[in-house]
């Protein structure tokens, strides 16, 4: 597999009026699977649109397969895009839609290729129902087949797993990994951390329009876990439990609020193991343990703060 970069983004900023969607973002992507991770509204879709030439950066440069993508019609035939938005002709069958997509992208023998890719995503090429009758998950798979029908070198997928059931998600993740192992460049966006882990890929984390972190998934996971956490513990003797937690060293700090103990820690695993034993030793009954900052937004905010 070539290590030459397929995508080079250098100091890219994009604004729409007074809204800055991306700010001074730089990265390179090579063949294989790269995940673009970030909360909704972080700027992921804007970045993917720039990679496909659908919008231009306000500042900075984007190079895809060696050329600037904006306005290069020949490049479009080398890219397969699965947009987050619905972009299907409702009255057509899936087979007709994917065939037309292949024809527009310059695929040789688009009909047989349409049938092949529909079968790959577990849809029936002979289904004569219009796409308007399809479920969200089926529509997503039609979009994936349409993006691959012309055998593109670069595959860009914007939240492609939305609407799929768990089995279909696993099959689609397997497909994306296979495409990457074949030497294609696959860049896939998601706001779900567990999905990205299954890609087994390099990760770019975008938060509030900035590149907050990059690396393999394990490095990103360590960044996310090795950070201060706050946990609320409700029990019947908050002062006793708080004193016990401080003694163990599993808590950076504690604050008693009625029946609640607010615990700050950077050793979540140790805290989880310690809570039950401390409660047992002190004869304290635990009612509830609630992480207060485990949502993905708080994790991303922490990564942004680290870069300042």
Protein backbone atom coordinates (compact mmCIF):
# COMPACT_ATOMS: atom_id res chain seq x y z
CA UNK A 1 0.00 0.00 0.00
CA UNK A 2 1.39 3.39 -0.93
CA UNK A 3 2.26 5.79 1.89
CA UNK A 4 1.95 8.86 -0.35
CA UNK A 5 -0.77 11.16 0.88
CA UNK A 6 -4.06 11.18 -0.99
CA UNK A 7 -5.35 14.27 0.80
CA UNK A 8 -3.40 17.31 1.99
CA UNK A 9 -5.21 20.03 3.92
CA UNK A 10 -3.05 23.01 4.85
CA UNK A 11 -4.15 25.85 7.16
CA UNK A 12 -7.75 25.66 5.95
CA UNK A 13 -10.34 28.09 7.29
CA UNK A 14 -13.92 28.21 6.08
CA UNK A 15 -16.52 30.78 6.99
CA UNK A 16 -20.09 31.42 5.97
CA UNK A 17 -20.85 35.07 6.59
CA UNK A 18 -20.04 35.67 10.26
CA UNK A 19 -19.95 31.95 11.10
CA UNK A 20 -16.55 30.23 11.13
CA UNK A 21 -17.12 26.56 10.33
CA UNK A 22 -13.43 25.54 10.27
CA UNK A 23 -10.40 27.34 11.65
CA UNK A 24 -6.79 26.75 10.58
CA UNK A 25 -7.09 22.99 10.05
CA UNK A 26 -4.16 20.99 8.65
CA UNK A 27 -3.76 17.25 8.10
CA UNK A 28 -2.77 14.64 5.53
CA UNK A 29 -4.51 11.35 4.73
CA UNK A 30 -3.08 8.30 2.95
CA UNK A 31 -4.61 5.06 1.68
CA UNK A 32 -6.59 3.09 4.24
CA UNK A 33 -9.42 4.10 6.54
CA UNK A 34 -9.37 7.45 8.34
CA UNK A 35 -12.19 8.38 10.72
CA UNK A 36 -13.29 11.99 11.13
CA UNK A 37 -14.70 12.14 14.66
CA UNK A 38 -16.55 15.01 16.26
CA UNK A 39 -19.90 16.14 17.66
CA UNK A 40 -22.70 17.31 15.41
CA UNK A 41 -21.98 20.82 14.16
CA UNK A 42 -18.21 20.49 14.60
CA UNK A 43 -17.45 21.14 10.92
CA UNK A 44 -17.05 17.56 9.68
CA UNK A 45 -19.50 17.85 6.79
CA UNK A 46 -17.98 21.16 5.69
CA UNK A 47 -14.56 19.53 5.56
CA UNK A 48 -15.85 16.58 3.54
CA UNK A 49 -17.59 18.92 1.10
CA UNK A 50 -14.27 20.71 0.54
CA UNK A 51 -12.49 17.42 -0.10
CA UNK A 52 -15.05 16.63 -2.81
CA UNK A 53 -14.82 20.08 -4.39
CA UNK A 54 -18.39 21.04 -3.49
CA UNK A 55 -17.20 24.16 -1.68
CA UNK A 56 -13.89 26.03 -1.58
CA UNK A 57 -11.88 27.00 1.47
CA UNK A 58 -12.03 30.65 2.47
CA UNK A 59 -8.34 30.45 3.29
CA UNK A 60 -5.70 27.73 2.98
CA UNK A 61 -5.30 24.93 0.46
CA UNK A 62 -6.85 21.52 -0.20
CA UNK A 63 -5.20 18.98 -2.49
CA UNK A 64 -6.90 15.69 -3.33
CA UNK A 65 -5.12 13.08 -5.46
CA UNK A 66 -2.59 15.76 -6.32
CA UNK A 67 -4.97 18.48 -7.51
CA UNK A 68 -7.22 21.19 -6.10
CA UNK A 69 -10.68 19.57 -6.07
CA UNK A 70 -12.85 22.64 -6.63
CA UNK A 71 -14.00 22.73 -10.27
CA UNK A 72 -11.90 19.77 -11.47
CA UNK A 73 -14.51 17.63 -13.23
CA UNK A 74 -12.07 14.82 -14.01
CA UNK A 75 -11.36 14.42 -10.30
CA UNK A 76 -15.03 13.84 -9.51
CA UNK A 77 -14.88 10.52 -11.36
CA UNK A 78 -12.16 9.36 -8.95
CA UNK A 79 -14.19 10.18 -5.83
CA UNK A 80 -17.18 8.35 -4.36
CA UNK A 81 -19.33 10.42 -2.00
CA UNK A 82 -21.98 9.29 0.47
CA UNK A 83 -23.53 12.58 1.65
CA UNK A 84 -25.30 12.87 4.96
CA UNK A 85 -28.29 14.47 3.23
CA UNK A 86 -30.78 12.43 1.23
CA UNK A 87 -29.78 12.68 -2.43
CA UNK A 88 -31.84 10.05 -4.19
CA UNK A 89 -34.33 10.17 -7.07
CA UNK A 90 -37.39 8.93 -5.23
CA UNK A 91 -39.23 7.54 -8.24
CA UNK A 92 -36.39 5.33 -9.47
CA UNK A 93 -35.56 1.80 -8.45
CA UNK A 94 -32.32 1.27 -6.55
CA UNK A 95 -30.82 -0.51 -9.56
CA UNK A 96 -31.71 2.32 -11.95
CA UNK A 97 -30.40 4.96 -9.55
CA UNK A 98 -27.06 3.23 -9.01
CA UNK A 99 -26.75 2.54 -12.76
CA UNK A 100 -27.33 6.21 -13.61
CA UNK A 101 -24.81 7.19 -10.93
CA UNK A 102 -22.28 4.92 -12.61
CA UNK A 103 -23.01 6.36 -16.04
CA UNK A 104 -22.56 9.93 -14.77
CA UNK A 105 -19.24 8.96 -13.14
CA UNK A 106 -17.97 7.34 -16.34
CA UNK A 107 -18.11 3.71 -15.18
CA UNK A 108 -17.68 1.04 -17.82
CA UNK A 109 -20.60 -1.42 -17.83
CA UNK A 110 -22.52 0.46 -15.12
CA UNK A 111 -25.44 -2.01 -15.12
CA UNK A 112 -23.49 -5.11 -14.00
CA UNK A 113 -21.50 -3.00 -11.57
CA UNK A 114 -24.71 -1.57 -10.10
CA UNK A 115 -26.02 -5.09 -9.53
CA UNK A 116 -22.72 -6.14 -7.94
CA UNK A 117 -22.60 -3.27 -5.46
CA UNK A 118 -26.27 -3.53 -4.55
CA UNK A 119 -25.69 -7.18 -3.70
CA UNK A 120 -22.58 -6.20 -1.74
CA UNK A 121 -24.67 -3.92 0.49
CA UNK A 122 -27.33 -6.65 0.74
CA UNK A 123 -29.99 -5.13 -1.50
CA UNK A 124 -31.79 -6.91 -4.35
CA UNK A 125 -30.91 -5.48 -7.81
CA UNK A 126 -34.18 -6.93 -9.11
CA UNK A 127 -36.35 -5.07 -6.62
CA UNK A 128 -38.76 -2.97 -8.72
CA UNK A 129 -40.07 -0.86 -5.86
CA UNK A 130 -39.24 2.85 -6.04
CA UNK A 131 -36.69 4.21 -3.58
CA UNK A 132 -39.46 6.28 -1.99
CA UNK A 133 -40.72 3.08 -0.34
CA UNK A 134 -37.31 2.26 1.23
CA UNK A 135 -36.46 2.61 4.90
CA UNK A 136 -33.71 4.94 6.12
CA UNK A 137 -31.26 2.06 6.38
CA UNK A 138 -32.01 0.84 2.86
CA UNK A 139 -31.55 4.36 1.50
CA UNK A 140 -28.18 4.60 3.20
CA UNK A 141 -27.07 1.37 1.55
CA UNK A 142 -28.27 2.61 -1.85
CA UNK A 143 -26.10 5.70 -1.38
CA UNK A 144 -23.09 3.53 -0.55
CA UNK A 145 -23.63 1.40 -3.67
CA UNK A 146 -23.95 4.55 -5.80
CA UNK A 147 -20.70 5.92 -4.35
CA UNK A 148 -18.78 2.74 -5.20
CA UNK A 149 -20.22 1.80 -8.59
CA UNK A 150 -17.44 3.53 -10.53
CA UNK A 151 -14.61 2.02 -8.40
CA UNK A 152 -13.33 5.32 -6.98
CA UNK A 153 -9.85 5.77 -5.52
CA UNK A 154 -11.18 8.02 -2.75
CA UNK A 155 -14.37 7.18 -0.83
CA UNK A 156 -15.88 9.93 1.33
CA UNK A 157 -18.65 8.87 3.71
CA UNK A 158 -20.56 11.37 5.85
CA UNK A 159 -22.26 9.60 8.81
CA UNK A 160 -22.96 6.52 6.62
CA UNK A 161 -24.11 4.28 9.50
CA UNK A 162 -27.12 6.37 10.51
CA UNK A 163 -30.36 4.41 10.21
CA UNK A 164 -28.69 0.99 10.00
CA UNK A 165 -29.50 -1.81 12.42
CA UNK A 166 -26.60 -3.32 14.44
CA UNK A 167 -25.95 -6.19 12.02
CA UNK A 168 -25.97 -3.87 9.01
CA UNK A 169 -23.58 -1.51 10.81
CA UNK A 170 -21.09 -4.32 11.34
CA UNK A 171 -21.36 -5.44 7.70
CA UNK A 172 -20.85 -1.87 6.50
CA UNK A 173 -17.84 -1.36 8.77
CA UNK A 174 -16.36 -4.59 7.37
CA UNK A 175 -16.90 -3.22 3.85
CA UNK A 176 -15.16 0.07 4.64
CA UNK A 177 -12.21 -1.75 6.16
CA UNK A 178 -11.98 -4.00 3.11
CA UNK A 179 -11.98 -0.99 0.79
CA UNK A 180 -9.12 0.51 2.77
CA UNK A 181 -7.15 -2.74 2.69
CA UNK A 182 -7.51 -2.78 -1.12
CA UNK A 183 -5.49 0.45 -1.31
CA UNK A 184 -8.33 2.94 -1.55
CA UNK A 185 -8.48 5.99 0.67
CA UNK A 186 -11.60 5.88 2.81
CA UNK A 187 -12.52 8.84 5.01
CA UNK A 188 -15.62 8.35 7.12
CA UNK A 189 -17.20 10.77 9.57
CA UNK A 190 -18.99 9.86 12.78
CA UNK A 191 -20.01 11.43 16.08
CA UNK A 192 -20.14 8.01 17.79
CA UNK A 193 -16.94 6.98 19.55
CA UNK A 194 -17.78 3.26 19.61
CA UNK A 195 -18.29 3.24 15.83
CA UNK A 196 -14.87 4.75 15.26
CA UNK A 197 -13.26 2.13 17.49
CA UNK A 198 -14.60 -0.61 15.21
CA UNK A 199 -13.00 1.00 12.14
CA UNK A 200 -9.59 0.26 13.67
CA UNK A 201 -8.32 3.32 11.90
CA UNK A 202 -6.46 6.57 12.20
CA UNK A 203 -8.66 9.22 13.76
CA UNK A 204 -8.95 12.98 13.23
CA UNK A 205 -10.94 14.71 15.97
CA UNK A 206 -12.64 17.96 14.97
CA UNK A 207 -14.30 20.12 17.61
CA UNK A 208 -15.74 23.60 17.17
CA UNK A 209 -14.09 23.85 13.76
CA UNK A 210 -10.61 22.99 15.03
CA UNK A 211 -8.48 19.86 14.76
CA UNK A 212 -8.38 18.85 18.42
CA UNK A 213 -6.41 15.59 18.16
CA UNK A 214 -5.13 13.04 15.67
CA UNK A 215 -3.59 9.60 15.84
CA UNK A 216 -4.60 5.97 15.95
CA UNK A 217 -7.73 5.10 17.85
CA UNK A 218 -5.89 3.78 20.91
CA UNK A 219 -3.98 7.07 21.30
CA UNK A 220 -7.22 9.06 21.01
CA UNK A 221 -8.94 6.77 23.53
CA UNK A 222 -6.09 7.32 25.99
CA UNK A 223 -6.40 11.09 25.58
CA UNK A 224 -10.11 10.86 26.28
CA UNK A 225 -9.74 8.64 29.33
CA UNK A 226 -6.69 10.33 30.85
CA UNK A 227 -8.53 13.47 31.81
CA UNK A 228 -10.32 14.84 34.87
CA UNK A 229 -13.76 13.31 35.43
CA UNK A 230 -16.57 14.26 37.76
CA UNK A 231 -18.84 11.61 39.25
CA UNK A 232 -21.89 12.08 41.48
CA UNK A 233 -22.40 9.38 44.10
CA UNK A 234 -25.66 9.28 46.06
CA UNK A 235 -25.54 7.35 49.32
CA UNK A 236 -26.89 7.32 52.90
CA UNK A 237 -23.71 8.66 54.58
CA UNK A 238 -22.04 11.12 52.24
CA UNK A 239 -19.45 12.47 54.71
CA UNK A 240 -18.16 9.04 55.66
CA UNK A 241 -17.91 7.91 52.03
CA UNK A 242 -16.15 11.14 51.02
CA UNK A 243 -13.55 10.70 53.76
CA UNK A 244 -12.92 7.11 52.71
CA UNK A 245 -12.44 8.03 49.05
CA UNK A 246 -9.92 10.74 49.91
CA UNK A 247 -7.93 8.21 51.98
CA UNK A 248 -7.68 5.77 49.05
CA UNK A 249 -6.18 8.37 46.72
CA UNK A 250 -8.67 7.50 43.97
CA UNK A 251 -10.20 10.99 44.23
CA UNK A 252 -8.50 14.27 43.41
CA UNK A 253 -11.15 16.04 45.40
CA UNK A 254 -14.59 15.52 46.93
CA UNK A 255 -17.47 17.78 47.85
CA UNK A 256 -20.47 16.76 49.96
CA UNK A 257 -23.84 18.06 48.76
CA UNK A 258 -26.63 16.64 50.93
CA UNK A 259 -26.82 12.91 50.17
CA UNK A 260 -24.47 13.34 47.21
CA UNK A 261 -20.69 13.13 47.01
CA UNK A 262 -19.23 15.00 44.04
CA UNK A 263 -15.97 13.27 43.16
CA UNK A 264 -13.24 14.63 40.88
CA UNK A 265 -10.80 11.99 39.62
CA UNK A 266 -8.43 11.23 36.79
CA UNK A 267 -8.48 7.52 37.64
CA UNK A 268 -12.00 6.50 36.69
CA UNK A 269 -11.18 2.81 36.67
CA UNK A 270 -9.62 2.96 40.13
CA UNK A 271 -12.57 4.95 41.43
CA UNK A 272 -15.04 2.37 40.14
CA UNK A 273 -13.10 -0.44 41.80
CA UNK A 274 -12.74 1.48 45.05
CA UNK A 275 -16.28 2.77 45.57
CA UNK A 276 -17.89 -0.51 46.54
CA UNK A 277 -15.10 -1.54 48.93
CA UNK A 278 -15.04 1.86 50.67
CA UNK A 279 -18.83 1.81 51.05
CA UNK A 280 -18.68 -1.70 52.48
CA UNK A 281 -15.92 -0.88 54.95
CA UNK A 282 -17.80 2.18 56.22
CA UNK A 283 -21.22 0.58 56.27
CA UNK A 284 -22.54 3.04 53.70
CA UNK A 285 -25.29 2.15 51.24
CA UNK A 286 -24.80 3.29 47.64
CA UNK A 287 -27.92 4.39 45.78
CA UNK A 288 -26.62 5.84 42.54
CA UNK A 289 -23.34 6.51 40.69
CA UNK A 290 -23.63 8.96 37.79
CA UNK A 291 -20.79 10.26 35.56
CA UNK A 292 -21.45 13.96 34.99
CA UNK A 293 -19.10 14.53 32.06
CA UNK A 294 -19.09 11.29 30.07
CA UNK A 295 -21.02 12.72 27.13
CA UNK A 296 -18.98 13.09 23.97
CA UNK A 297 -19.35 16.88 23.96
CA UNK A 298 -17.49 17.19 27.27
CA UNK A 299 -14.73 14.89 26.05
CA UNK A 300 -14.26 16.98 22.93
CA UNK A 301 -14.26 20.21 24.95
CA UNK A 302 -11.46 18.78 27.06
CA UNK A 303 -9.40 17.96 23.96
CA UNK A 304 -9.86 21.55 22.70
CA UNK A 305 -8.75 22.96 26.06
CA UNK A 306 -5.59 20.82 25.96
CA UNK A 307 -4.51 22.52 22.72
CA UNK A 308 -4.76 26.05 24.06
